Amino acid sequence: AYMFNCRIADPCLVTSVPEEHPQPSAMLFPNPGRSIMFLAQVERMAFPLEYGVLDASGSMAQHGLLQRNEAVDVGSLPGGRYILRLTDRQGIVITTKLIVQ
């Protein structure tokens, strides 16, 4: 997070502010993968998670709902690089790179 310290007569400075709350996170494995990928170490996110797999053009290639300990089946996707977007029931969103072999 950043805080802008500005006064009318002074130039604006950007300073770093320590995070008050740890950020949500999740780990995807195996990544790269061929068919089934799992979420692990999901921190500070409330299940179920809505997921979307976005291709290089930003189009939705796949989407669905994930319960805790449920896998993401990417076997129908062509090999390539994607973005996995996870949204929890409280509206918290995280994204991560996903590579399908």
Protein backbone atom coordinates (compact mmCIF):
# COMPACT_ATOMS: atom_id res chain seq x y z
CA ALA A 1 0.00 0.00 0.00
CA TYR A 2 1.12 3.52 -0.65
CA MET A 3 0.24 6.82 0.92
CA PHE A 4 0.46 10.11 -0.92
CA ASN A 5 1.82 12.98 1.18
CA CYS A 6 0.91 16.17 -0.64
CA ARG A 7 0.51 19.82 0.21
CA ILE A 8 -0.45 22.43 -2.34
CA ALA A 9 2.96 24.17 -2.38
CA ASP A 10 5.10 21.00 -2.19
CA PRO A 11 5.82 18.28 -4.73
CA CYS A 12 4.00 15.03 -4.05
CA LEU A 13 5.99 12.19 -2.46
CA VAL A 14 4.98 8.54 -2.50
CA THR A 15 5.95 6.59 0.60
CA SER A 16 5.47 2.97 1.47
CA VAL A 17 3.14 2.13 4.35
CA PRO A 18 3.38 -1.23 6.12
CA GLU A 19 0.43 -3.54 5.51
CA GLU A 20 -1.95 -3.72 8.43
CA HIS A 21 -3.49 -6.99 7.28
CA PRO A 22 -1.75 -9.87 5.49
CA GLN A 23 -2.90 -10.35 1.91
CA PRO A 24 -4.94 -13.34 0.72
CA SER A 25 -2.93 -15.96 -1.14
CA ALA A 26 -3.08 -19.40 -2.71
CA MET A 27 -0.63 -21.77 -4.35
CA LEU A 28 -1.47 -23.71 -7.51
CA PHE A 29 0.26 -27.04 -8.22
CA PRO A 30 1.50 -28.69 -10.33
CA ASN A 31 2.14 -25.58 -12.36
CA PRO A 32 2.81 -26.14 -15.23
CA GLY A 33 0.28 -28.93 -15.42
CA ARG A 34 -1.48 -31.10 -17.98
CA SER A 35 -4.95 -31.84 -16.64
CA ILE A 36 -5.68 -31.50 -12.93
CA MET A 37 -4.35 -28.67 -10.76
CA PHE A 38 -4.85 -28.21 -7.05
CA LEU A 39 -5.04 -25.18 -4.79
CA ALA A 40 -2.98 -25.32 -1.63
CA GLN A 41 -2.15 -22.97 1.18
CA VAL A 42 -5.25 -20.89 0.56
CA GLU A 43 -4.94 -18.05 3.05
CA ARG A 44 -7.57 -15.50 4.06
CA MET A 45 -10.17 -16.51 1.46
CA ALA A 46 -13.68 -17.76 2.20
CA PHE A 47 -14.91 -20.83 0.28
CA PRO A 48 -16.53 -21.54 -2.10
CA LEU A 49 -14.25 -19.79 -4.59
CA GLU A 50 -15.45 -18.67 -7.98
CA TYR A 51 -12.70 -19.23 -10.54
CA GLY A 52 -12.04 -18.01 -14.04
CA VAL A 53 -9.27 -19.04 -16.41
CA LEU A 54 -8.42 -16.20 -18.80
CA ASP A 55 -6.46 -16.75 -22.01
CA ALA A 56 -3.81 -14.41 -23.45
CA SER A 57 -6.47 -12.21 -25.08
CA GLY A 58 -8.32 -11.81 -21.76
CA SER A 59 -11.24 -14.03 -22.83
CA MET A 60 -12.76 -16.42 -20.32
CA ALA A 61 -11.55 -19.89 -21.33
CA GLN A 62 -13.11 -21.69 -18.36
CA HIS A 63 -14.95 -20.85 -15.16
CA GLY A 64 -16.66 -22.52 -12.27
CA LEU A 65 -16.98 -22.86 -8.52
CA LEU A 66 -14.43 -24.54 -6.25
CA GLN A 67 -15.05 -26.03 -2.84
CA ARG A 68 -12.21 -26.62 -0.40
CA ASN A 69 -9.90 -29.49 -1.57
CA GLU A 70 -11.47 -29.54 -5.05
CA ALA A 71 -9.24 -29.60 -8.16
CA VAL A 72 -9.31 -27.40 -11.27
CA ASP A 73 -9.58 -29.56 -14.40
CA VAL A 74 -7.63 -27.82 -17.20
CA GLY A 75 -7.39 -30.93 -19.42
CA SER A 76 -9.72 -29.45 -22.05
CA LEU A 77 -7.61 -26.29 -22.48
CA PRO A 78 -4.98 -26.04 -25.21
CA GLY A 79 -1.40 -25.76 -23.98
CA GLY A 80 -0.34 -22.22 -23.16
CA ARG A 81 -0.22 -19.48 -20.56
CA TYR A 82 -3.33 -18.38 -18.69
CA ILE A 83 -4.36 -16.28 -15.72
CA LEU A 84 -6.33 -17.94 -12.93
CA ARG A 85 -8.62 -15.49 -11.13
CA LEU A 86 -10.09 -16.55 -7.78
CA THR A 87 -12.92 -14.64 -6.12
CA ASP A 88 -14.20 -15.61 -2.69
CA ARG A 89 -17.71 -15.13 -1.30
CA GLN A 90 -16.65 -11.85 0.32
CA GLY A 91 -15.49 -10.42 -3.01
CA ILE A 92 -11.74 -10.80 -2.38
CA VAL A 93 -9.94 -11.42 -5.69
CA ILE A 94 -6.47 -12.84 -6.34
CA THR A 95 -4.85 -13.83 -9.62
CA THR A 96 -1.98 -16.11 -10.50
CA LYS A 97 -0.27 -17.43 -13.64
CA LEU A 98 -1.33 -20.85 -14.85
CA ILE A 99 0.57 -22.81 -17.49
CA VAL A 100 -1.04 -25.75 -19.30
CA GLN A 101 1.36 -28.13 -21.03
